[in-house]
Protein backbone atom coordinates (compact mmCIF):
# COMPACT_ATOMS: atom_id res chain seq x y z
CA UNK A 1 0.00 0.00 0.00
CA UNK A 2 1.40 3.38 -1.02
CA UNK A 3 2.26 5.76 1.81
CA UNK A 4 1.04 9.35 1.55
CA UNK A 5 3.98 11.72 1.50
CA UNK A 6 4.78 15.30 0.55
CA UNK A 7 6.08 15.98 -2.93
CA UNK A 8 9.32 17.74 -3.77
CA UNK A 9 8.89 21.48 -4.09
CA UNK A 10 10.62 23.39 -6.91
CA UNK A 11 13.46 25.81 -6.22
CA UNK A 12 12.18 29.35 -6.77
CA UNK A 13 14.71 31.72 -5.19
CA UNK A 14 13.94 34.64 -7.52
CA UNK A 15 10.18 34.11 -7.76
CA UNK A 16 8.70 34.87 -4.31
CA UNK A 17 5.10 35.18 -5.52
CA UNK A 18 5.22 31.99 -7.58
CA UNK A 19 6.86 30.29 -4.60
CA UNK A 20 4.02 31.46 -2.37
CA UNK A 21 1.49 30.09 -4.88
CA UNK A 22 3.30 26.74 -5.02
CA UNK A 23 3.72 26.53 -1.25
CA UNK A 24 0.04 27.21 -0.62
CA UNK A 25 -0.89 24.59 -3.20
CA UNK A 26 1.26 22.04 -1.33
CA UNK A 27 -0.34 23.16 1.94
CA UNK A 28 -3.79 22.64 0.46
CA UNK A 29 -2.80 19.12 -0.57
CA UNK A 30 -1.65 18.53 3.02
CA UNK A 31 -5.05 19.72 4.31
CA UNK A 32 -6.69 17.25 1.93
CA UNK A 33 -4.65 14.34 3.38
CA UNK A 34 -1.80 14.23 0.84
CA UNK A 35 -3.79 12.53 -1.94
CA UNK A 36 -1.88 10.97 -4.83
CA UNK A 37 -1.75 12.47 -8.31
CA UNK A 38 -4.02 9.70 -9.56
CA UNK A 39 -6.51 10.43 -6.77
CA UNK A 40 -6.60 14.10 -7.80
CA UNK A 41 -6.94 13.06 -11.46
CA UNK A 42 -9.85 10.78 -10.57
CA UNK A 43 -11.45 13.51 -8.46
CA UNK A 44 -11.40 15.91 -11.43
CA UNK A 45 -12.87 13.16 -13.59
CA UNK A 46 -13.30 12.37 -17.24
CA UNK A 47 -14.94 14.25 -20.08
CA UNK A 48 -17.93 13.12 -22.15
CA UNK A 49 -15.67 10.96 -24.33
CA UNK A 50 -14.17 9.17 -21.33
CA UNK A 51 -10.79 10.95 -21.44
CA UNK A 52 -9.11 12.24 -18.29
CA UNK A 53 -9.58 16.00 -18.12
CA UNK A 54 -6.18 16.38 -16.40
CA UNK A 55 -3.86 13.36 -16.34
CA UNK A 56 -1.78 12.44 -13.29
CA UNK A 57 1.50 13.61 -14.83
CA UNK A 58 0.02 17.05 -15.43
CA UNK A 59 -1.00 17.13 -11.77
CA UNK A 60 2.57 16.36 -10.70
CA UNK A 61 3.92 19.03 -13.04
CA UNK A 62 1.74 21.68 -11.41
CA UNK A 63 3.25 20.89 -8.01
CA UNK A 64 6.87 20.20 -8.98
CA UNK A 65 7.77 22.34 -12.01
CA UNK A 66 9.36 25.76 -11.53
CA UNK A 67 7.00 27.32 -14.06
CA UNK A 68 3.72 29.17 -13.71
CA UNK A 69 0.92 26.62 -14.19
CA UNK A 70 -1.94 26.78 -16.65
CA UNK A 71 -4.78 28.62 -14.91
CA UNK A 72 -7.46 26.18 -16.04
CA UNK A 73 -5.57 23.18 -14.64
CA UNK A 74 -4.83 25.03 -11.42
CA UNK A 75 -8.51 25.86 -10.88
CA UNK A 76 -9.50 22.21 -11.38
CA UNK A 77 -6.84 20.91 -8.97
CA UNK A 78 -7.67 23.50 -6.31
CA UNK A 79 -11.35 22.63 -6.59
CA UNK A 80 -10.62 18.91 -6.19
CA UNK A 81 -8.35 19.47 -3.18
CA UNK A 82 -10.66 21.97 -1.50
CA UNK A 83 -13.56 19.54 -1.78
CA UNK A 84 -11.39 16.70 -0.39
CA UNK A 85 -10.32 18.94 2.49
CA UNK A 86 -14.01 19.75 3.09
CA UNK A 87 -13.42 23.47 3.10
CA UNK A 88 -16.53 25.55 3.70
CA UNK A 89 -16.34 27.76 0.61
CA UNK A 90 -14.68 26.07 -2.35
CA UNK A 91 -15.38 29.01 -4.67
CA UNK A 92 -13.54 31.42 -2.38
CA UNK A 93 -10.55 29.08 -2.30
CA UNK A 94 -10.47 28.95 -6.10
CA UNK A 95 -10.71 32.76 -6.28
CA UNK A 96 -7.85 33.07 -3.74
CA UNK A 97 -5.56 30.92 -5.88
CA UNK A 98 -6.63 32.75 -9.01
CA UNK A 99 -5.58 36.06 -7.44
CA UNK A 100 -2.22 34.54 -6.51
CA UNK A 101 -1.86 33.21 -10.04
CA UNK A 102 -2.42 36.66 -11.52
CA UNK A 103 0.24 38.15 -9.23
CA UNK A 104 2.63 35.35 -10.17
CA UNK A 105 1.93 35.99 -13.82
CA UNK A 106 2.72 39.68 -13.39
CA UNK A 107 5.93 38.63 -11.68
CA UNK A 108 6.77 36.40 -14.65
CA UNK A 109 6.14 39.26 -17.06
CA UNK A 110 8.23 41.70 -15.04
CA UNK A 111 11.23 39.34 -14.97
CA UNK A 112 10.98 38.30 -18.61
CA UNK A 113 13.69 39.50 -21.05
CA UNK A 114 12.75 42.20 -23.50
CA UNK A 115 11.88 39.69 -26.21
CA UNK A 116 12.10 36.43 -24.27
CA UNK A 117 8.45 35.37 -24.14
CA UNK A 118 7.19 37.23 -27.15
CA UNK A 119 9.36 36.00 -30.00
CA UNK A 120 10.16 32.30 -30.08
CA UNK A 121 13.29 30.90 -31.69
CA UNK A 122 11.33 28.00 -33.17
CA UNK A 123 10.98 28.33 -36.96
CA UNK A 124 7.49 29.15 -38.15
CA UNK A 125 7.54 26.38 -40.71
CA UNK A 126 7.66 23.76 -37.97
CA UNK A 127 4.32 24.69 -36.44
CA UNK A 128 2.10 22.41 -38.49
CA UNK A 129 4.22 19.34 -37.76
CA UNK A 130 4.64 20.20 -34.11
CA UNK A 131 0.92 20.84 -33.72
CA UNK A 132 -0.04 17.35 -34.82
CA UNK A 133 2.65 15.73 -32.67
CA UNK A 134 1.80 17.69 -29.55
CA UNK A 135 -1.91 17.06 -29.99
CA UNK A 136 -1.52 13.31 -30.33
CA UNK A 137 0.74 13.18 -27.28
CA UNK A 138 -1.63 15.31 -25.18
CA UNK A 139 0.89 18.10 -24.60
CA UNK A 140 0.37 21.80 -24.75
CA UNK A 141 0.59 23.59 -28.08
CA UNK A 142 3.15 26.37 -27.93
CA UNK A 143 2.85 29.61 -29.82
CA UNK A 144 5.61 30.03 -32.37
CA UNK A 145 5.42 33.79 -31.90
CA UNK A 146 5.53 34.70 -35.60
CA UNK A 147 5.26 38.39 -36.29
CA UNK A 148 2.05 37.66 -38.19
CA UNK A 149 0.51 36.43 -34.91
CA UNK A 150 -2.35 38.01 -33.05
CA UNK A 151 -2.21 41.80 -32.78
CA UNK A 152 -5.12 41.54 -30.34
CA UNK A 153 -5.08 45.18 -29.29
CA UNK A 154 -2.74 46.71 -31.73
CA UNK A 155 0.42 45.56 -29.85
CA UNK A 156 3.65 45.24 -31.79
CA UNK A 157 6.56 42.79 -31.65
CA UNK A 158 9.22 44.96 -33.28
CA UNK A 159 12.70 44.79 -31.76
CA UNK A 160 12.58 48.38 -30.54
CA UNK A 161 9.23 47.95 -28.73
CA UNK A 162 9.07 49.33 -25.17
CA UNK A 163 9.01 47.06 -22.13
CA UNK A 164 5.39 47.97 -21.44
CA UNK A 165 4.31 46.85 -24.91
CA UNK A 166 6.29 43.63 -24.52
CA UNK A 167 4.54 42.88 -21.26
CA UNK A 168 1.15 43.49 -22.89
CA UNK A 169 2.08 41.13 -25.71
CA UNK A 170 2.97 38.48 -23.14
CA UNK A 171 -0.51 38.85 -21.65
CA UNK A 172 -1.94 38.23 -25.09
CA UNK A 173 0.23 35.15 -25.62
CA UNK A 174 -1.68 33.46 -22.80
CA UNK A 175 -5.01 34.47 -24.32
CA UNK A 176 -3.75 33.24 -27.69
CA UNK A 177 -2.92 29.82 -26.29
CA UNK A 178 -6.35 29.68 -24.68
CA UNK A 179 -8.01 30.45 -28.01
CA UNK A 180 -6.04 27.64 -29.61
CA UNK A 181 -7.23 25.31 -26.88
CA UNK A 182 -10.80 26.44 -27.44
CA UNK A 183 -10.49 25.47 -31.11
CA UNK A 184 -9.12 22.08 -30.07
CA UNK A 185 -12.11 21.56 -27.78
CA UNK A 186 -14.50 22.34 -30.62
CA UNK A 187 -12.69 19.91 -32.94
CA UNK A 188 -12.96 17.23 -30.29
CA UNK A 189 -16.69 17.84 -29.83
CA UNK A 190 -17.32 17.67 -33.59
CA UNK A 191 -14.94 14.77 -34.26
CA UNK A 192 -17.59 12.14 -35.00
CA UNK A 193 -19.59 14.41 -37.29
CA UNK A 194 -17.25 14.88 -40.22
CA UNK A 195 -19.65 17.23 -42.02
CA UNK A 196 -19.76 19.64 -39.11
CA UNK A 197 -16.00 19.23 -38.51
CA UNK A 198 -15.24 20.16 -42.11
CA UNK A 199 -17.37 23.30 -41.86
CA UNK A 200 -15.77 24.31 -38.56
CA UNK A 201 -12.19 23.81 -39.77
CA UNK A 202 -13.05 25.77 -42.89
CA UNK A 203 -14.09 28.71 -40.72
CA UNK A 204 -10.93 28.38 -38.59
CA UNK A 205 -8.77 28.27 -41.69
CA UNK A 206 -10.04 31.67 -42.82
CA UNK A 207 -7.73 33.19 -40.22
CA UNK A 208 -4.14 33.00 -41.40
CA UNK A 209 -3.00 32.74 -37.79
CA UNK A 210 -4.98 29.51 -37.28
CA UNK A 211 -4.67 27.98 -40.75
CA UNK A 212 -1.73 25.71 -39.88
CA UNK A 213 -3.45 24.55 -36.72
CA UNK A 214 -6.57 23.63 -38.72
CA UNK A 215 -4.44 21.79 -41.32
CA UNK A 216 -2.65 19.81 -38.60
CA UNK A 217 -5.85 18.72 -36.90
CA UNK A 218 -7.59 17.80 -40.15
CA UNK A 219 -4.80 15.35 -40.92
CA UNK A 220 -4.85 13.66 -37.50
CA UNK A 221 -5.82 10.02 -37.34
CA UNK A 222 -7.29 10.24 -33.85
CA UNK A 223 -9.27 12.65 -31.73
CA UNK A 224 -7.15 15.38 -30.10
CA UNK A 225 -6.72 15.43 -26.34
CA UNK A 226 -9.49 17.08 -24.33
CA UNK A 227 -9.24 20.85 -24.57
CA UNK A 228 -9.49 21.28 -20.81
CA UNK A 229 -6.18 19.44 -20.64
CA UNK A 230 -4.69 22.49 -22.32
CA UNK A 231 -6.00 24.80 -19.64
CA UNK A 232 -9.36 25.91 -21.01
CA UNK A 233 -11.63 26.28 -18.02
CA UNK A 234 -11.31 29.98 -17.41
CA UNK A 235 -13.93 32.59 -16.62
CA UNK A 236 -13.01 34.81 -19.54
CA UNK A 237 -14.91 32.37 -21.76
CA UNK A 238 -18.09 32.44 -19.70
CA UNK A 239 -21.08 34.08 -21.34
CA UNK A 240 -23.68 36.20 -19.60
CA UNK A 241 -27.04 34.69 -18.83
CA UNK A 242 -29.54 35.07 -21.64
CA UNK A 243 -32.95 33.57 -20.99
CA UNK A 244 -34.43 33.48 -24.50
CA UNK A 245 -32.25 30.61 -25.77
CA UNK A 246 -33.80 28.27 -23.17
CA UNK A 247 -36.74 27.68 -25.52
CA UNK A 248 -34.32 27.50 -28.42
CA UNK A 249 -32.21 24.89 -26.61
CA UNK A 250 -35.30 22.79 -25.99
CA UNK A 251 -36.07 22.90 -29.71
CA UNK A 252 -32.51 21.91 -30.65
CA UNK A 253 -32.54 19.07 -28.11
CA UNK A 254 -35.76 17.69 -29.55
CA UNK A 255 -34.49 17.98 -33.11
CA UNK A 256 -31.13 16.42 -32.25
CA UNK A 257 -32.73 13.51 -30.41
CA UNK A 258 -34.76 12.64 -33.49
CA UNK A 259 -31.70 13.04 -35.73
CA UNK A 260 -29.46 10.84 -33.56
CA UNK A 261 -32.22 8.26 -33.17
CA UNK A 262 -32.19 7.82 -36.94
CA UNK A 263 -28.39 8.08 -37.15
CA UNK A 264 -28.62 10.82 -39.77
CA UNK A 265 -25.61 12.95 -40.57
CA UNK A 266 -26.15 16.51 -41.71
CA UNK A 267 -25.47 15.37 -45.27
CA UNK A 268 -28.23 12.78 -44.99
CA UNK A 269 -30.53 15.45 -43.64
CA UNK A 270 -29.83 17.48 -46.77
CA UNK A 271 -30.66 14.50 -49.00
CA UNK A 272 -33.88 13.75 -47.15
CA UNK A 273 -35.21 17.28 -46.54
CA UNK A 274 -33.78 19.29 -49.44
CA UNK A 275 -32.36 21.79 -46.93
CA UNK A 276 -28.58 22.34 -47.37
CA UNK A 277 -26.40 20.61 -44.78
CA UNK A 278 -24.57 23.90 -44.21
CA UNK A 279 -27.85 25.41 -42.98
CA UNK A 280 -28.45 22.51 -40.56
CA UNK A 281 -24.88 22.85 -39.29
CA UNK A 282 -25.20 26.61 -38.88
CA UNK A 283 -28.47 26.34 -36.96
CA UNK A 284 -27.02 23.64 -34.72
CA UNK A 285 -23.53 25.00 -33.97
CA UNK A 286 -24.57 28.64 -33.67
CA UNK A 287 -27.77 27.90 -31.73
CA UNK A 288 -29.84 29.73 -34.34
CA UNK A 289 -33.55 29.27 -34.95
CA UNK A 290 -34.11 26.97 -37.96
CA UNK A 291 -36.61 27.92 -40.62
CA UNK A 292 -40.04 26.52 -39.81
CA UNK A 293 -40.40 24.99 -43.25
CA UNK A 294 -37.13 23.12 -42.66
CA UNK A 295 -38.62 21.52 -39.54
CA UNK A 296 -41.78 20.62 -41.46
CA UNK A 297 -39.57 18.93 -44.07
CA UNK A 298 -37.63 17.12 -41.34
CA UNK A 299 -40.82 15.92 -39.64
CA UNK A 300 -42.07 14.51 -42.94
CA UNK A 301 -38.75 12.88 -43.82
CA UNK A 302 -38.46 11.34 -40.34
CA UNK A 303 -42.11 10.24 -40.46
CA UNK A 304 -42.73 11.63 -37.00
CA UNK A 305 -45.88 10.63 -35.19
CA UNK A 306 -48.51 13.32 -34.80
CA UNK A 307 -47.61 13.98 -31.16
CA UNK A 308 -43.90 14.33 -31.96
CA UNK A 309 -44.66 16.59 -34.92
CA UNK A 310 -46.87 18.83 -32.78
CA UNK A 311 -44.19 18.96 -30.07
CA UNK A 312 -41.44 19.90 -32.52
CA UNK A 313 -43.41 22.67 -34.18
CA UNK A 314 -44.78 23.85 -30.83
CA UNK A 315 -41.22 24.24 -29.56
CA UNK A 316 -40.40 26.22 -32.70
CA UNK A 317 -43.31 28.59 -32.04
CA UNK A 318 -42.19 29.05 -28.42
CA UNK A 319 -38.57 29.71 -29.42
CA UNK A 320 -39.62 32.12 -32.17
CA UNK A 321 -41.87 34.09 -29.82
CA UNK A 322 -39.19 34.16 -27.14
CA UNK A 323 -36.49 35.44 -29.48
CA UNK A 324 -38.81 38.05 -30.97
CA UNK A 325 -39.84 39.23 -27.51
CA UNK A 326 -36.24 39.50 -26.41
CA UNK A 327 -35.32 41.40 -29.57
CA UNK A 328 -38.14 43.89 -29.05
CA UNK A 329 -37.36 44.26 -25.35
CA UNK A 330 -33.70 45.03 -26.09
CA UNK A 331 -34.66 47.62 -28.74
CA UNK A 332 -36.89 49.66 -26.43
CA UNK A 333 -35.97 53.35 -25.95
CA UNK A 334 -33.84 53.75 -22.84
CA UNK A 335 -36.09 56.55 -21.53
CA UNK A 336 -38.81 59.01 -22.50
CA UNK A 337 -40.38 61.94 -20.73
CA UNK A 338 -44.01 61.89 -19.68
CA UNK A 339 -44.84 64.89 -21.88
CA UNK A 340 -43.35 63.19 -24.95
CA UNK A 341 -45.23 59.96 -24.24
CA UNK A 342 -48.51 61.73 -23.49
CA UNK A 343 -48.30 63.52 -26.82
CA UNK A 344 -48.55 60.10 -28.52
CA UNK A 345 -51.82 59.03 -26.88
CA UNK A 346 -55.09 58.94 -28.79
CA UNK A 347 -57.08 62.08 -27.83
CA UNK A 348 -60.38 60.16 -28.12
CA UNK A 349 -59.41 57.81 -25.30
CA UNK A 350 -61.81 57.39 -22.38
CA UNK A 351 -61.55 59.56 -19.27
CA UNK A 352 -60.03 56.77 -17.18
CA UNK A 353 -57.31 55.81 -19.64
CA UNK A 354 -54.03 55.01 -17.80
CA UNK A 355 -50.81 55.55 -19.79
CA UNK A 356 -48.42 52.65 -19.10
CA UNK A 357 -45.60 53.10 -21.62
CA UNK A 358 -44.40 53.38 -25.21
CA UNK A 359 -43.46 50.57 -27.58
CA UNK A 360 -40.19 49.67 -29.27
CA UNK A 361 -40.77 51.96 -32.25
CA UNK A 362 -41.08 54.97 -29.94
CA UNK A 363 -44.13 56.28 -31.75
CA UNK A 364 -47.09 54.69 -29.98
CA UNK A 365 -48.36 54.98 -26.41
CA UNK A 366 -50.04 52.04 -24.69
CA UNK A 367 -52.29 51.94 -21.66
CA UNK A 368 -55.45 50.51 -20.10
CA UNK A 369 -58.99 51.82 -20.00
CA UNK A 370 -60.02 51.46 -16.35
CA UNK A 371 -63.69 51.91 -17.24
CA UNK A 372 -63.79 48.56 -19.06
CA UNK A 373 -62.42 45.04 -18.75
CA UNK A 374 -62.92 42.24 -16.26
CA UNK A 375 -62.46 44.55 -13.27
CA UNK A 376 -61.61 48.27 -12.79
CA UNK A 377 -58.08 47.39 -11.65
CA UNK A 378 -54.60 47.81 -13.11
CA UNK A 379 -51.65 46.07 -11.43
CA UNK A 380 -48.03 47.31 -11.51
CA UNK A 381 -45.51 44.79 -10.18
CA UNK A 382 -41.76 44.50 -10.12
CA UNK A 383 -38.75 43.86 -7.90
CA UNK A 384 -36.99 46.55 -5.92
CA UNK A 385 -35.34 49.13 -8.17
CA UNK A 386 -37.44 48.32 -11.24
CA UNK A 387 -39.19 51.71 -11.35
CA UNK A 388 -42.54 50.60 -9.98
CA UNK A 389 -43.22 53.87 -8.15
CA UNK A 390 -42.22 55.87 -11.24
CA UNK A 391 -44.74 53.88 -13.29
CA UNK A 392 -47.46 54.66 -10.74
CA UNK A 393 -46.62 58.36 -10.92
CA UNK A 394 -46.84 58.25 -14.72
CA UNK A 395 -50.25 56.52 -14.58
CA UNK A 396 -51.48 58.99 -11.97
CA UNK A 397 -50.40 61.96 -14.09
CA UNK A 398 -52.17 60.49 -17.12
CA UNK A 399 -55.40 60.01 -15.16
CA UNK A 400 -55.21 63.58 -13.85
CA UNK A 401 -54.58 64.89 -17.37
CA UNK A 402 -57.70 63.09 -18.62
CA UNK A 403 -59.86 64.59 -15.87
CA UNK A 404 -60.02 61.72 -13.37
CA UNK A 405 -59.78 62.59 -9.69
CA UNK A 406 -57.32 60.65 -7.55
CA UNK A 407 -56.90 59.30 -4.05
CA UNK A 408 -53.28 58.38 -3.33
CA UNK A 409 -52.02 55.84 -0.80
CA UNK A 410 -48.28 55.48 -0.10
CA UNK A 411 -47.62 53.74 3.23
CA UNK A 412 -43.86 53.84 2.52
CA UNK A 413 -41.76 56.72 1.14
CA UNK A 414 -42.69 57.01 -2.54
CA UNK A 415 -42.55 59.58 -5.38
CA UNK A 416 -46.33 59.19 -5.43
CA UNK A 417 -46.51 61.43 -2.37
CA UNK A 418 -45.11 64.34 -4.41
CA UNK A 419 -48.41 64.51 -6.33
CA UNK A 420 -50.40 65.25 -3.17
CA UNK A 421 -50.75 68.97 -3.92
CA UNK A 422 -51.74 68.56 -7.57
CA UNK A 423 -55.15 69.70 -8.76
CA UNK A 424 -57.48 66.73 -8.89
CA UNK A 425 -55.85 64.85 -5.99
CA UNK A 426 -58.54 64.58 -3.31
CA UNK A 427 -56.48 62.97 -0.58
CA UNK A 428 -53.11 61.31 0.05
CA UNK A 429 -52.77 58.61 2.74
CA UNK A 430 -49.29 57.98 4.12
CA UNK A 431 -50.15 55.70 7.04
CA UNK A 432 -49.76 51.92 7.03
CA UNK A 433 -53.54 51.58 7.29
CA UNK A 434 -56.62 52.82 5.46
CA UNK A 435 -59.66 53.53 7.63
CA UNK A 436 -62.92 52.29 6.19
CA UNK A 437 -65.15 55.20 7.19
CA UNK A 438 -62.68 57.88 6.14
CA UNK A 439 -62.10 56.35 2.72
CA UNK A 440 -65.84 55.73 2.24
CA UNK A 441 -66.63 59.40 2.82
CA UNK A 442 -63.97 60.50 0.33
CA UNK A 443 -65.21 58.13 -2.37
CA UNK A 444 -68.88 58.94 -1.87
CA UNK A 445 -68.71 61.77 -4.44
CA UNK A 446 -67.62 59.44 -7.26
CA UNK A 447 -69.90 58.87 -10.24
CA UNK A 448 -69.70 57.66 -13.81
CA UNK A 449 -69.45 61.31 -14.92
CA UNK A 450 -66.86 62.22 -12.24
CA UNK A 451 -64.85 59.02 -11.63
CA UNK A 452 -62.23 58.55 -8.93
CA UNK A 453 -59.20 56.26 -9.11
CA UNK A 454 -57.26 55.10 -6.04
CA UNK A 455 -53.54 54.75 -6.76
CA UNK A 456 -51.73 52.61 -4.17
CA UNK A 457 -47.98 52.01 -3.86
CA UNK A 458 -46.59 49.13 -1.74
CA UNK A 459 -50.07 47.62 -1.67
CA UNK A 460 -48.90 44.52 0.21
CA UNK A 461 -48.59 46.74 3.31
CA UNK A 462 -52.32 47.50 3.07
CA UNK A 463 -53.45 43.94 2.28
CA UNK A 464 -55.14 43.66 5.70
CA UNK A 465 -56.08 47.31 6.16
CA UNK A 466 -59.29 48.41 7.85
CA UNK A 467 -60.79 49.40 4.49
CA UNK A 468 -60.18 46.02 2.86
CA UNK A 469 -63.89 45.33 2.46
CA UNK A 470 -64.39 48.66 0.70
CA UNK A 471 -61.43 48.02 -1.63
CA UNK A 472 -62.77 44.56 -2.39
CA UNK A 473 -66.09 46.13 -3.30
CA UNK A 474 -64.34 48.39 -5.82
CA UNK A 475 -62.76 45.32 -7.46
CA UNK A 476 -66.21 43.73 -7.79
CA UNK A 477 -68.52 46.70 -8.44
CA UNK A 478 -66.31 49.68 -9.29
CA UNK A 479 -67.61 49.98 -12.84
CA UNK A 480 -71.07 50.79 -11.55
CA UNK A 481 -69.85 53.42 -9.09
CA UNK A 482 -67.20 55.22 -11.19
CA UNK A 483 -64.32 53.85 -9.10
CA UNK A 484 -61.05 52.17 -10.09
CA UNK A 485 -57.84 50.90 -8.51
CA UNK A 486 -54.22 51.18 -9.67
CA UNK A 487 -52.14 48.89 -7.48
CA UNK A 488 -48.37 48.75 -7.17
CA UNK A 489 -46.79 45.79 -5.37
CA UNK A 490 -43.41 44.15 -4.88
CA UNK A 491 -42.87 41.11 -7.09
CA UNK A 492 -40.59 39.58 -4.43
CA UNK A 493 -43.57 39.27 -2.11
CA UNK A 494 -45.69 37.06 -4.30
CA UNK A 495 -47.91 35.17 -1.91
CA UNK A 496 -51.58 34.28 -1.75
CA UNK A 497 -53.45 37.24 -0.33
CA UNK A 498 -57.04 36.99 0.73
CA UNK A 499 -59.31 39.93 1.12
CA UNK A 500 -59.03 42.58 -1.60
CA UNK A 501 -55.46 42.23 -2.93
CA UNK A 502 -55.89 38.62 -3.99
CA UNK A 503 -59.10 39.49 -5.85
CA UNK A 504 -57.40 42.43 -7.59
CA UNK A 505 -55.35 39.96 -9.65
CA UNK A 506 -58.56 38.77 -11.30
CA UNK A 507 -58.51 41.88 -13.49
CA UNK A 508 -55.92 39.97 -15.56
CA UNK A 509 -54.05 43.04 -16.74
CA UNK A 510 -51.15 45.15 -15.64
CA UNK A 511 -47.47 45.96 -16.04
CA UNK A 512 -44.52 43.74 -15.07
CA UNK A 513 -41.24 45.63 -14.68
CA UNK A 514 -38.05 43.57 -15.13
CA UNK A 515 -39.72 40.38 -13.81
CA UNK A 516 -37.39 37.99 -12.03
CA UNK A 517 -39.81 35.15 -11.25
CA UNK A 518 -42.02 33.15 -13.60
CA UNK A 519 -44.81 33.34 -11.04
CA UNK A 520 -44.91 37.13 -11.49
CA UNK A 521 -47.11 36.67 -14.55
CA UNK A 522 -49.95 35.49 -12.31
CA UNK A 523 -50.18 39.01 -10.87
CA UNK A 524 -51.37 40.37 -14.21
CA UNK A 525 -53.28 37.32 -15.36
CA UNK A 526 -50.88 35.74 -17.84
CA UNK A 527 -48.39 32.89 -17.79
CA UNK A 528 -44.87 33.98 -18.74
CA UNK A 529 -42.02 31.76 -19.87
CA UNK A 530 -38.39 31.76 -18.83
CA UNK A 531 -37.54 34.14 -21.70
CA UNK A 532 -39.31 36.97 -19.93
CA UNK A 533 -37.59 36.64 -16.57
CA UNK A 534 -34.16 36.57 -15.01
CA UNK A 535 -32.41 39.33 -16.96
CA UNK A 536 -30.85 42.25 -15.11
CA UNK A 537 -33.23 44.78 -13.58
CA UNK A 538 -33.58 47.77 -15.91
CA UNK A 539 -35.61 50.56 -14.29
CA UNK A 540 -38.68 51.59 -16.27
CA UNK A 541 -38.67 48.72 -18.75
CA UNK A 542 -41.19 45.91 -18.69
CA UNK A 543 -44.07 43.93 -20.14
CA UNK A 544 -47.63 45.21 -20.51
CA UNK A 545 -50.67 42.93 -20.52
CA UNK A 546 -53.98 44.51 -21.49
CA UNK A 547 -56.09 41.42 -20.93
CA UNK A 548 -55.84 40.05 -24.46
CA UNK A 549 -53.30 37.31 -23.70
CA UNK A 550 -50.42 39.20 -25.33
CA UNK A 551 -47.38 40.85 -23.78
CA UNK A 552 -46.14 44.20 -25.10
CA UNK A 553 -42.61 45.39 -24.35
CA UNK A 554 -42.77 49.00 -23.12
CA UNK A 555 -40.66 51.76 -21.64
CA UNK A 556 -42.31 53.65 -18.79
CA UNK A 557 -42.32 57.49 -19.04
CA UNK A 558 -40.74 59.47 -16.23
């Protein structure tokens, strides 16, 4: 039985930061119980093709070589050791080592000769041969440093370049190696689909800097080593969260399952559907929405059952709607003044028309007529910072401009309180309760000819107020009495409310501002998919539902 023992540490007399990094890595291994290199390799695991992501010799090299390690490998090893040591916060441990690595890298740059790490002495003509050899042996591809290499930010490699420029170029060498590794990963993923691989290598070959690498890999007899082996597991390649492709991914998964089930290559799909294989490859590799007629052709060629055909085309409809909604949402005007938005409204609108926002073309105003619909209620919901109070102010100003009298209720500090002195505002309540008798007396003057709207911010505070029965009566019979409610509430406090606030949702219309939860759609009477939620909170931008089952992307006036 092998005995756990420390490993030999490299001599680093002139590299104090790298030495600190290496020492702390050895200390972390000690905390984990001095696991073997094979144990660490096993802990990291294999990829989808069954290859070790980091082999045991690479693990030993990280600990014993007097060179700065690949960041991707280091992150994987630290994660494996931190989990074995049962540390409380593995992510923090990884971030700590990443910070040390960056300092060590700066140290490496500072001590590098003027041209040492930028221009290699290896002849450029050897790259193609070396690439194939190093790939088949699972070793790292080294940049030959030709002067026709990557001028990523306009850096230069001339002999008289300043030290600062040389250091910048060294930074880019690391990024360049990572990009090479990313290409290798893509080749590995496409290896069994020669049609897709040919298309991908053709794209890679369009760049002169990567042409030799593409030639070397095309001539290989076996799949290249896993790209993560070369150090590609770094946060600079992470993409921001985008919700719309969730529906698109579901469509691609369904399509791919049917393709794989029939063992069709993209070329066979072209023969059977009449749609070029390049189009199928583009839609698949770029996660693009296929043409609907192409899916109809695929369903016919694959002889899908009715249920499968309906599912496939239903997923296409969902993905199409999601992508269109996201496109419209992203094209909305960043802001618009109330006066500019009000100028767009239809002058023949009813007296109780509430302006909610403007559309993506910036030329049309949208809102709700509180004198019609399922109930005389309009809901405004959103998380903190979404501009909910601003939307209520805009609606209140629109109602005042159309001749509707208002009663305001703001139990928490709100811009709504600033309208208290405006003409047409009968009363403004700032307490955390509404008294039944007081509110009843104020509303007694309302009529169909002289309607009154109650605009409430932070309505969840008043869910159990003394006047709940009166507010519930407005939800049920407000049309007959010339009364209406505009309710603003926090999306984060979605819970079943009894009394009046729960019934207010039955109006099935309202405005969702930067929704973060799928359940938020219930507040305005519509089910929303994942494409409408989860993006960053953008004040004053949201989705309007007017009770017709459709969502309109709007920008709220200020």
